[in-house]
Every structure is written in structure tokens, then in C-alpha cells.
Amino acid sequence: MSPSSFSQLRWRVTGFVALAAGALLAWRFTHGGIPRHHLLHRADMPAISTAWDALVLPALTWGLLGRARPRVPSPGWIGLAGGLLFGMTLAALFTAGQEAILSYVVLIPFVLALALPIHRAECVLGFVVGMAFTFGAVLPTVFGTVVAILGAGIHLLTRPIRVRVAPSLPR
């Protein structure tokens, strides 16, 4: 992908995310107010308003797409789709009250990190966007960053083993 076509794609995707975040906030404002979410889902912890989505989602999209530039178009979209699917799965399980299942599903990225680079920017972006409807963007960004750091550690520390056992896996 040429630098100019990637730049156009980056602007378009960021614009779309900004419009979607703005539309969602406008809808929430007119339908009962903009929700706040407490850290760790505990009322005694500080709450973060989802109004921050109007700033966080476009900035995160712009920044992380810039970091994903070398991998776009093919492998980058796979990581974005995987992160999006995982984020939506966690949000759906949480909304459905399935905390027992959720406590196991949240461990999947660490198992995947043994073979796949889940710490890449496009994976984190997909994860945050997938959870943004339910939790806003701030809490998934914090959680996604922690998972990405731990996933990078797992992935990079197990690299010598992967190179010997399965050299065709992504590095």
C-alpha cells in the first residue's frame, strides 16, 4: 500500500470512528444520559465517563493505525478483526452476566500470545473498539494496554522455542 493511499485510509477510518463515537454519545445523551463506569466494577472506585470516547477513540485510532502501517493491509486486518471479535465477546459476556465464563475467556489472549503477536497495535485497536459500546474507550484502553504488555512478554520470551518448533508462525 502506498504512503498516500494509507494516509487516506487512516484519515477515513479515524473520521468514521470519530463520527460513530459522536453519534453514540449523542444517542446516549438523549436516551437517559451518558453513562459512567467504575474502575474494577466497584462503586467505591472512581468512575470514568464515556464522554471521553469523543477524544480517546479517534486519537487511539489515529495513533495505532500509524503504528500498524508496516503490516497493512493483509496481516493487520486479521489482528484488527481478532481484537474486535475478542472485545465484543468480552463485552457480550459481561452484559449477559456470565462472569464465570468471562473469568476463563479473559485468559485466552495469554494462551494465544504463545504463538501469535497479540501485542500489536491493530489487535489493541480492535479490542478497544469492540468493547467501547459497552464500557466506553478509557477502561478497555487501560485493560488492553496491560494485556498487550503481558502478551508481548509472553510472545517475545517464547520466541526461541517457537522458532525451533514452528518456524512458520508469525514473529
N, C-alpha and C. Protein backbone atom coordinates (compact mmCIF):
# COMPACT_ATOMS: atom_id res chain seq x y z
N MET A 1 0.86 -1.17 0.00
CA MET A 1 0.00 0.00 0.00
C MET A 1 0.91 1.23 0.00
N SER A 2 0.61 2.14 -0.89
CA SER A 2 1.43 3.35 -1.00
C SER A 2 1.19 4.27 0.20
N PRO A 3 2.17 5.11 0.54
CA PRO A 3 2.00 6.02 1.68
C PRO A 3 0.80 6.96 1.53
N SER A 4 0.52 7.42 0.33
CA SER A 4 -0.62 8.34 0.16
C SER A 4 -1.96 7.62 0.31
N SER A 5 -2.04 6.39 -0.19
CA SER A 5 -3.31 5.66 -0.04
C SER A 5 -3.50 5.23 1.42
N PHE A 6 -2.40 4.90 2.11
CA PHE A 6 -2.53 4.58 3.53
C PHE A 6 -2.95 5.80 4.32
N SER A 7 -2.41 6.95 3.98
CA SER A 7 -2.79 8.19 4.67
C SER A 7 -4.28 8.47 4.51
N GLN A 8 -4.78 8.27 3.30
CA GLN A 8 -6.23 8.45 3.06
C GLN A 8 -7.03 7.45 3.88
N LEU A 9 -6.60 6.21 3.89
CA LEU A 9 -7.28 5.18 4.68
C LEU A 9 -7.27 5.55 6.16
N ARG A 10 -6.14 6.01 6.64
CA ARG A 10 -6.02 6.38 8.05
C ARG A 10 -6.96 7.52 8.40
N TRP A 11 -7.04 8.53 7.55
CA TRP A 11 -7.97 9.65 7.78
C TRP A 11 -9.42 9.17 7.76
N ARG A 12 -9.75 8.31 6.79
CA ARG A 12 -11.13 7.84 6.66
C ARG A 12 -11.56 6.99 7.86
N VAL A 13 -10.70 6.07 8.25
CA VAL A 13 -11.05 5.21 9.39
C VAL A 13 -11.16 6.04 10.67
N THR A 14 -10.23 6.96 10.87
CA THR A 14 -10.29 7.82 12.05
C THR A 14 -11.55 8.69 12.03
N GLY A 15 -11.88 9.22 10.86
CA GLY A 15 -13.11 10.02 10.74
C GLY A 15 -14.36 9.20 11.02
N PHE A 16 -14.38 7.97 10.50
CA PHE A 16 -15.52 7.11 10.75
C PHE A 16 -15.67 6.80 12.23
N VAL A 17 -14.55 6.48 12.90
CA VAL A 17 -14.58 6.19 14.33
C VAL A 17 -15.04 7.42 15.11
N ALA A 18 -14.56 8.60 14.72
CA ALA A 18 -14.98 9.84 15.41
C ALA A 18 -16.47 10.09 15.23
N LEU A 19 -16.97 9.90 14.02
CA LEU A 19 -18.41 10.07 13.78
C LEU A 19 -19.24 9.05 14.55
N ALA A 20 -18.78 7.81 14.56
CA ALA A 20 -19.51 6.76 15.28
C ALA A 20 -19.52 7.04 16.77
N ALA A 21 -18.38 7.47 17.32
CA ALA A 21 -18.32 7.78 18.75
C ALA A 21 -19.22 8.97 19.08
N GLY A 22 -19.19 9.98 18.22
CA GLY A 22 -20.06 11.15 18.43
C GLY A 22 -21.53 10.80 18.35
N ALA A 23 -21.89 9.97 17.37
CA ALA A 23 -23.29 9.56 17.22
C ALA A 23 -23.76 8.74 18.42
N LEU A 24 -22.91 7.85 18.89
CA LEU A 24 -23.26 7.04 20.06
C LEU A 24 -23.43 7.91 21.29
N LEU A 25 -22.54 8.87 21.49
CA LEU A 25 -22.66 9.77 22.64
C LEU A 25 -23.92 10.63 22.54
N ALA A 26 -24.24 11.11 21.34
CA ALA A 26 -25.46 11.90 21.15
C ALA A 26 -26.70 11.06 21.45
N TRP A 27 -26.70 9.81 21.00
CA TRP A 27 -27.83 8.93 21.26
C TRP A 27 -27.96 8.67 22.76
N ARG A 28 -26.84 8.39 23.40
CA ARG A 28 -26.89 8.13 24.84
C ARG A 28 -27.34 9.36 25.62
N PHE A 29 -26.89 10.55 25.20
CA PHE A 29 -27.27 11.78 25.87
C PHE A 29 -28.78 12.00 25.81
N THR A 30 -29.39 11.67 24.69
CA THR A 30 -30.83 11.86 24.52
C THR A 30 -31.66 10.69 25.05
N HIS A 31 -31.01 9.62 25.46
CA HIS A 31 -31.73 8.44 25.96
C HIS A 31 -31.28 8.07 27.38
N GLY A 32 -31.33 9.01 28.27
CA GLY A 32 -31.05 8.71 29.67
C GLY A 32 -29.72 9.21 30.19
N GLY A 33 -28.90 9.78 29.35
CA GLY A 33 -27.64 10.33 29.82
C GLY A 33 -26.44 9.48 29.47
N ILE A 34 -25.29 10.10 29.52
CA ILE A 34 -24.03 9.42 29.20
C ILE A 34 -23.57 8.64 30.43
N PRO A 35 -23.39 7.33 30.28
CA PRO A 35 -23.04 6.51 31.45
C PRO A 35 -21.59 6.72 31.90
N ARG A 36 -21.37 6.36 33.15
CA ARG A 36 -20.03 6.33 33.74
C ARG A 36 -19.77 4.90 34.19
N HIS A 37 -18.51 4.52 34.14
CA HIS A 37 -18.14 3.17 34.55
C HIS A 37 -17.08 3.25 35.64
N HIS A 38 -17.28 2.50 36.70
CA HIS A 38 -16.35 2.48 37.81
C HIS A 38 -15.19 1.54 37.52
N LEU A 39 -14.02 1.91 37.98
CA LEU A 39 -12.87 1.04 37.85
C LEU A 39 -13.13 -0.27 38.58
N LEU A 40 -12.72 -1.36 37.96
CA LEU A 40 -12.88 -2.71 38.52
C LEU A 40 -14.32 -3.05 38.86
N HIS A 41 -15.26 -2.31 38.30
CA HIS A 41 -16.70 -2.53 38.50
C HIS A 41 -17.07 -2.48 39.99
N ARG A 42 -16.42 -1.54 40.71
CA ARG A 42 -16.68 -1.36 42.13
C ARG A 42 -17.12 0.08 42.37
N ALA A 43 -18.23 0.25 43.06
CA ALA A 43 -18.79 1.58 43.29
C ALA A 43 -17.91 2.47 44.16
N ASP A 44 -17.03 1.87 44.96
CA ASP A 44 -16.14 2.68 45.80
C ASP A 44 -14.91 3.18 45.04
N MET A 45 -14.76 2.78 43.79
CA MET A 45 -13.64 3.23 42.95
C MET A 45 -14.11 4.41 42.09
N PRO A 46 -13.19 5.22 41.56
CA PRO A 46 -13.58 6.35 40.71
C PRO A 46 -14.32 5.90 39.46
N ALA A 47 -15.21 6.76 38.98
CA ALA A 47 -15.97 6.48 37.76
C ALA A 47 -15.40 7.31 36.62
N ILE A 48 -15.44 6.74 35.42
CA ILE A 48 -14.96 7.41 34.22
C ILE A 48 -16.13 7.54 33.26
N SER A 49 -16.39 8.74 32.80
CA SER A 49 -17.49 8.99 31.88
C SER A 49 -17.14 8.49 30.48
N THR A 50 -18.13 7.97 29.79
CA THR A 50 -17.91 7.54 28.41
C THR A 50 -17.88 8.72 27.45
N ALA A 51 -18.08 9.94 27.96
CA ALA A 51 -17.94 11.12 27.11
C ALA A 51 -16.50 11.27 26.62
N TRP A 52 -15.54 10.68 27.32
CA TRP A 52 -14.16 10.71 26.89
C TRP A 52 -13.96 9.98 25.56
N ASP A 53 -14.92 9.16 25.16
CA ASP A 53 -14.82 8.44 23.89
C ASP A 53 -14.63 9.38 22.71
N ALA A 54 -15.23 10.56 22.79
CA ALA A 54 -15.14 11.52 21.68
C ALA A 54 -13.69 11.93 21.42
N LEU A 55 -12.85 11.89 22.43
CA LEU A 55 -11.43 12.22 22.25
C LEU A 55 -10.56 10.97 22.15
N VAL A 56 -10.83 10.00 23.00
CA VAL A 56 -9.95 8.84 23.10
C VAL A 56 -10.02 7.95 21.85
N LEU A 57 -11.21 7.64 21.37
CA LEU A 57 -11.32 6.72 20.23
C LEU A 57 -10.66 7.26 18.96
N PRO A 58 -10.92 8.51 18.54
CA PRO A 58 -10.22 9.00 17.35
C PRO A 58 -8.71 9.09 17.53
N ALA A 59 -8.26 9.56 18.70
CA ALA A 59 -6.81 9.66 18.94
C ALA A 59 -6.16 8.29 18.94
N LEU A 60 -6.81 7.32 19.57
CA LEU A 60 -6.28 5.97 19.61
C LEU A 60 -6.26 5.36 18.21
N THR A 61 -7.32 5.57 17.45
CA THR A 61 -7.38 5.05 16.08
C THR A 61 -6.25 5.63 15.24
N TRP A 62 -6.08 6.95 15.30
CA TRP A 62 -5.03 7.61 14.53
C TRP A 62 -3.65 7.08 14.93
N GLY A 63 -3.39 7.03 16.21
CA GLY A 63 -2.08 6.60 16.68
C GLY A 63 -1.78 5.15 16.40
N LEU A 64 -2.74 4.28 16.67
CA LEU A 64 -2.48 2.85 16.50
C LEU A 64 -2.45 2.45 15.03
N LEU A 65 -3.23 3.13 14.19
CA LEU A 65 -3.13 2.84 12.75
C LEU A 65 -1.77 3.26 12.22
N GLY A 66 -1.23 4.34 12.76
CA GLY A 66 0.11 4.75 12.37
C GLY A 66 1.15 3.72 12.76
N ARG A 67 0.98 3.10 13.91
CA ARG A 67 1.92 2.06 14.36
C ARG A 67 1.74 0.77 13.54
N ALA A 68 0.53 0.53 13.05
CA ALA A 68 0.25 -0.69 12.30
C ALA A 68 0.61 -0.55 10.82
N ARG A 69 1.03 0.61 10.39
CA ARG A 69 1.31 0.91 8.98
C ARG A 69 2.13 -0.15 8.26
N PRO A 70 3.23 -0.65 8.82
CA PRO A 70 4.03 -1.63 8.07
C PRO A 70 3.29 -2.93 7.77
N ARG A 71 2.27 -3.26 8.53
CA ARG A 71 1.59 -4.54 8.36
C ARG A 71 0.31 -4.43 7.55
N VAL A 72 -0.13 -3.24 7.25
CA VAL A 72 -1.37 -3.07 6.49
C VAL A 72 -1.03 -3.35 5.03
N PRO A 73 -1.84 -4.04 4.26
CA PRO A 73 -3.21 -4.39 4.51
C PRO A 73 -3.46 -5.78 5.06
N SER A 74 -2.75 -6.82 4.64
CA SER A 74 -3.22 -8.16 4.99
C SER A 74 -3.12 -8.58 6.45
N PRO A 75 -1.96 -8.80 7.03
CA PRO A 75 -1.96 -9.32 8.41
C PRO A 75 -2.56 -8.35 9.41
N GLY A 76 -2.46 -7.04 9.13
CA GLY A 76 -3.01 -6.06 10.05
C GLY A 76 -4.50 -6.19 10.24
N TRP A 77 -5.20 -6.45 9.16
CA TRP A 77 -6.66 -6.57 9.26
C TRP A 77 -7.08 -7.83 10.01
N ILE A 78 -6.26 -8.84 9.95
CA ILE A 78 -6.55 -10.07 10.71
C ILE A 78 -6.46 -9.78 12.21
N GLY A 79 -5.42 -9.08 12.62
CA GLY A 79 -5.26 -8.71 14.03
C GLY A 79 -6.36 -7.78 14.50
N LEU A 80 -6.74 -6.82 13.63
CA LEU A 80 -7.83 -5.91 13.97
C LEU A 80 -9.14 -6.67 14.15
N ALA A 81 -9.43 -7.58 13.24
CA ALA A 81 -10.66 -8.38 13.33
C ALA A 81 -10.65 -9.29 14.56
N GLY A 82 -9.50 -9.88 14.85
CA GLY A 82 -9.40 -10.74 16.03
C GLY A 82 -9.60 -9.97 17.32
N GLY A 83 -8.97 -8.80 17.41
CA GLY A 83 -9.15 -7.96 18.59
C GLY A 83 -10.58 -7.48 18.73
N LEU A 84 -11.20 -7.13 17.61
CA LEU A 84 -12.60 -6.69 17.62
C LEU A 84 -13.51 -7.81 18.09
N LEU A 85 -13.32 -9.00 17.58
CA LEU A 85 -14.13 -10.15 17.97
C LEU A 85 -13.95 -10.48 19.46
N PHE A 86 -12.71 -10.43 19.93
CA PHE A 86 -12.45 -10.73 21.33
C PHE A 86 -13.08 -9.67 22.23
N GLY A 87 -12.93 -8.39 21.88
CA GLY A 87 -13.53 -7.32 22.67
C GLY A 87 -15.05 -7.42 22.71
N MET A 88 -15.66 -7.72 21.59
CA MET A 88 -17.12 -7.86 21.55
C MET A 88 -17.57 -9.06 22.36
N THR A 89 -16.80 -10.14 22.34
CA THR A 89 -17.13 -11.33 23.13
C THR A 89 -17.09 -11.02 24.63
N LEU A 90 -16.03 -10.33 25.08
CA LEU A 90 -15.96 -9.97 26.49
C LEU A 90 -17.10 -9.05 26.89
N ALA A 91 -17.41 -8.07 26.05
CA ALA A 91 -18.49 -7.14 26.35
C ALA A 91 -19.83 -7.88 26.42
N ALA A 92 -20.06 -8.80 25.50
CA ALA A 92 -21.32 -9.55 25.50
C ALA A 92 -21.44 -10.44 26.73
N LEU A 93 -20.36 -11.11 27.10
CA LEU A 93 -20.39 -11.96 28.30
C LEU A 93 -20.63 -11.12 29.55
N PHE A 94 -20.01 -9.96 29.64
CA PHE A 94 -20.20 -9.10 30.80
C PHE A 94 -21.64 -8.61 30.85
N THR A 95 -22.17 -8.17 29.71
CA THR A 95 -23.54 -7.67 29.66
C THR A 95 -24.54 -8.76 30.02
N ALA A 96 -24.25 -9.99 29.62
CA ALA A 96 -25.15 -11.11 29.90
C ALA A 96 -24.99 -11.63 31.33
N GLY A 97 -24.06 -11.09 32.09
CA GLY A 97 -23.87 -11.52 33.47
C GLY A 97 -23.17 -12.85 33.61
N GLN A 98 -22.37 -13.21 32.63
CA GLN A 98 -21.69 -14.50 32.63
C GLN A 98 -20.26 -14.37 33.17
N GLU A 99 -20.14 -13.89 34.40
CA GLU A 99 -18.81 -13.66 34.98
C GLU A 99 -18.00 -14.95 35.12
N ALA A 100 -18.65 -16.07 35.35
CA ALA A 100 -17.94 -17.34 35.48
C ALA A 100 -17.23 -17.70 34.17
N ILE A 101 -17.92 -17.56 33.07
CA ILE A 101 -17.32 -17.84 31.76
C ILE A 101 -16.29 -16.76 31.43
N LEU A 102 -16.62 -15.52 31.74
CA LEU A 102 -15.75 -14.39 31.46
C LEU A 102 -14.38 -14.54 32.12
N SER A 103 -14.36 -15.10 33.31
CA SER A 103 -13.09 -15.25 34.03
C SER A 103 -12.15 -16.23 33.31
N TYR A 104 -12.69 -17.13 32.49
CA TYR A 104 -11.85 -18.03 31.71
C TYR A 104 -11.53 -17.45 30.34
N VAL A 105 -12.50 -16.81 29.72
CA VAL A 105 -12.30 -16.24 28.39
C VAL A 105 -11.23 -15.15 28.41
N VAL A 106 -11.14 -14.41 29.50
CA VAL A 106 -10.17 -13.33 29.61
C VAL A 106 -8.73 -13.86 29.58
N LEU A 107 -8.54 -15.14 29.79
CA LEU A 107 -7.21 -15.74 29.75
C LEU A 107 -6.77 -16.16 28.35
N ILE A 108 -7.69 -16.17 27.40
CA ILE A 108 -7.39 -16.62 26.03
C ILE A 108 -6.23 -15.85 25.39
N PRO A 109 -6.16 -14.51 25.54
CA PRO A 109 -5.03 -13.82 24.89
C PRO A 109 -3.66 -14.30 25.35
N PHE A 110 -3.55 -14.70 26.60
CA PHE A 110 -2.25 -15.14 27.10
C PHE A 110 -1.85 -16.49 26.50
N VAL A 111 -2.83 -17.32 26.22
CA VAL A 111 -2.55 -18.59 25.53
C VAL A 111 -2.20 -18.30 24.08
N LEU A 112 -2.96 -17.41 23.44
CA LEU A 112 -2.68 -17.05 22.05
C LEU A 112 -1.30 -16.40 21.91
N ALA A 113 -0.88 -15.66 22.92
CA ALA A 113 0.42 -14.97 22.86
C ALA A 113 1.59 -15.94 22.76
N LEU A 114 1.37 -17.19 23.11
CA LEU A 114 2.43 -18.18 22.94
C LEU A 114 2.80 -18.35 21.47
N ALA A 115 1.83 -18.17 20.57
CA ALA A 115 2.07 -18.38 19.16
C ALA A 115 1.85 -17.14 18.29
N LEU A 116 1.02 -16.20 18.75
CA LEU A 116 0.66 -15.04 17.92
C LEU A 116 1.05 -13.72 18.59
N PRO A 117 1.37 -12.73 17.78
CA PRO A 117 1.75 -11.42 18.34
C PRO A 117 0.52 -10.57 18.68
N ILE A 118 -0.13 -10.90 19.78
CA ILE A 118 -1.35 -10.18 20.17
C ILE A 118 -1.09 -8.78 20.69
N HIS A 119 0.16 -8.43 20.86
CA HIS A 119 0.52 -7.12 21.39
C HIS A 119 0.57 -6.04 20.31
N ARG A 120 0.34 -6.38 19.09
CA ARG A 120 0.44 -5.40 18.00
C ARG A 120 -0.69 -4.36 18.09
N ALA A 121 -0.40 -3.21 17.54
CA ALA A 121 -1.30 -2.05 17.63
C ALA A 121 -2.69 -2.35 17.08
N GLU A 122 -2.78 -3.07 15.98
CA GLU A 122 -4.09 -3.33 15.38
C GLU A 122 -4.95 -4.24 16.26
N CYS A 123 -4.32 -5.15 16.98
CA CYS A 123 -5.07 -6.02 17.90
C CYS A 123 -5.65 -5.20 19.05
N VAL A 124 -4.84 -4.32 19.60
CA VAL A 124 -5.31 -3.47 20.70
C VAL A 124 -6.43 -2.55 20.22
N LEU A 125 -6.28 -1.97 19.03
CA LEU A 125 -7.32 -1.09 18.49
C LEU A 125 -8.63 -1.84 18.31
N GLY A 126 -8.58 -3.03 17.73
CA GLY A 126 -9.79 -3.82 17.56
C GLY A 126 -10.44 -4.16 18.90
N PHE A 127 -9.63 -4.49 19.88
CA PHE A 127 -10.14 -4.81 21.21
C PHE A 127 -10.87 -3.62 21.83
N VAL A 128 -10.25 -2.45 21.78
CA VAL A 128 -10.85 -1.25 22.37
C VAL A 128 -12.14 -0.89 21.66
N VAL A 129 -12.14 -0.92 20.34
CA VAL A 129 -13.35 -0.59 19.59
C VAL A 129 -14.45 -1.62 19.88
N GLY A 130 -14.08 -2.88 20.03
CA GLY A 130 -15.06 -3.93 20.32
C GLY A 130 -15.71 -3.78 21.69
N MET A 131 -15.00 -3.20 22.63
CA MET A 131 -15.55 -3.02 23.97
C MET A 131 -16.13 -1.62 24.21
N ALA A 132 -15.89 -0.69 23.30
CA ALA A 132 -16.25 0.71 23.52
C ALA A 132 -17.76 0.92 23.68
N PHE A 133 -18.58 0.17 22.99
CA PHE A 133 -20.02 0.35 23.10
C PHE A 133 -20.51 0.04 24.51
N THR A 134 -19.93 -0.95 25.13
CA THR A 134 -20.36 -1.37 26.46
C THR A 134 -19.66 -0.60 27.57
N PHE A 135 -18.36 -0.38 27.45
CA PHE A 135 -17.58 0.20 28.55
C PHE A 135 -17.00 1.57 28.28
N GLY A 136 -17.22 2.13 27.09
CA GLY A 136 -16.51 3.34 26.73
C GLY A 136 -15.13 2.95 26.24
N ALA A 137 -14.27 3.94 26.02
CA ALA A 137 -12.95 3.64 25.46
C ALA A 137 -11.84 3.65 26.49
N VAL A 138 -12.00 4.35 27.59
CA VAL A 138 -10.88 4.53 28.52
C VAL A 138 -10.53 3.22 29.24
N LEU A 139 -11.50 2.57 29.85
CA LEU A 139 -11.21 1.33 30.58
C LEU A 139 -10.68 0.22 29.67
N PRO A 140 -11.27 0.00 28.47
CA PRO A 140 -10.68 -1.00 27.58
C PRO A 140 -9.27 -0.64 27.10
N THR A 141 -8.98 0.66 26.99
CA THR A 141 -7.63 1.06 26.60
C THR A 141 -6.63 0.69 27.69
N VAL A 142 -6.99 0.93 28.92
CA VAL A 142 -6.11 0.58 30.04
C VAL A 142 -5.95 -0.95 30.10
N PHE A 143 -7.06 -1.67 30.05
CA PHE A 143 -7.01 -3.13 30.12
C PHE A 143 -6.26 -3.70 28.91
N GLY A 144 -6.55 -3.17 27.72
CA GLY A 144 -5.88 -3.65 26.51
C GLY A 144 -4.38 -3.39 26.54
N THR A 145 -3.97 -2.28 27.12
CA THR A 145 -2.54 -1.98 27.24
C THR A 145 -1.85 -2.98 28.17
N VAL A 146 -2.49 -3.28 29.29
CA VAL A 146 -1.91 -4.26 30.22
C VAL A 146 -1.81 -5.63 29.56
N VAL A 147 -2.87 -6.05 28.88
CA VAL A 147 -2.86 -7.35 28.20
C VAL A 147 -1.80 -7.36 27.10
N ALA A 148 -1.66 -6.25 26.36
CA ALA A 148 -0.66 -6.19 25.30
C ALA A 148 0.76 -6.27 25.86
N ILE A 149 1.01 -5.61 26.98
CA ILE A 149 2.35 -5.67 27.58
C ILE A 149 2.66 -7.09 28.06
N LEU A 150 1.71 -7.70 28.74
CA LEU A 150 1.92 -9.09 29.19
C LEU A 150 2.03 -10.05 28.01
N GLY A 151 1.18 -9.82 26.99
CA GLY A 151 1.23 -10.66 25.79
C GLY A 151 2.55 -10.51 25.04
N ALA A 152 3.09 -9.29 25.00
CA ALA A 152 4.39 -9.09 24.36
C ALA A 152 5.48 -9.84 25.11
N GLY A 153 5.41 -9.79 26.44
CA GLY A 153 6.40 -10.52 27.23
C GLY A 153 6.33 -12.02 26.96
N ILE A 154 5.13 -12.55 26.95
CA ILE A 154 4.96 -13.99 26.69
C ILE A 154 5.45 -14.33 25.28
N HIS A 155 5.02 -13.53 24.31
CA HIS A 155 5.36 -13.81 22.91
C HIS A 155 6.87 -13.71 22.66
N LEU A 156 7.48 -12.68 23.20
CA LEU A 156 8.91 -12.48 22.93
C LEU A 156 9.78 -13.45 23.73
N LEU A 157 9.36 -13.80 24.93
CA LEU A 157 10.14 -14.74 25.73
C LEU A 157 10.06 -16.17 25.20
N THR A 158 8.97 -16.50 24.52
CA THR A 158 8.83 -17.85 23.97
C THR A 158 9.29 -17.94 22.52
N ARG A 159 9.80 -16.84 21.97
CA ARG A 159 10.23 -16.83 20.57
C ARG A 159 11.28 -17.87 20.24
N PRO A 160 12.32 -18.06 21.05
CA PRO A 160 13.32 -19.09 20.71
C PRO A 160 12.71 -20.48 20.57
N ILE A 161 11.73 -20.78 21.39
CA ILE A 161 11.08 -22.09 21.31
C ILE A 161 10.24 -22.18 20.04
N ARG A 162 9.49 -21.12 19.73
CA ARG A 162 8.65 -21.13 18.53
C ARG A 162 9.47 -21.24 17.26
N VAL A 163 10.62 -20.58 17.22
CA VAL A 163 11.46 -20.63 16.02
C VAL A 163 11.94 -22.05 15.75
N ARG A 164 12.21 -22.79 16.81
CA ARG A 164 12.67 -24.17 16.63
C ARG A 164 11.53 -25.13 16.33
N VAL A 165 10.40 -24.95 17.01
CA VAL A 165 9.29 -25.90 16.88
C VAL A 165 8.43 -25.60 15.65
N ALA A 166 8.06 -24.34 15.46
CA ALA A 166 7.16 -23.98 14.36
C ALA A 166 7.66 -22.69 13.71
N PRO A 167 8.62 -22.77 12.83
CA PRO A 167 9.22 -21.55 12.25
C PRO A 167 8.26 -20.75 11.36
N SER A 168 7.13 -21.32 10.95
CA SER A 168 6.22 -20.61 10.07
C SER A 168 5.24 -19.69 10.81
N LEU A 169 5.22 -19.74 12.14
CA LEU A 169 4.31 -18.87 12.90
C LEU A 169 4.78 -17.42 12.82
N PRO A 170 3.84 -16.46 12.97
CA PRO A 170 4.23 -15.05 12.94
C PRO A 170 5.20 -14.72 14.08
N ARG A 171 6.13 -13.84 13.80
CA ARG A 171 7.12 -13.47 14.80
C ARG A 171 6.74 -12.15 15.37
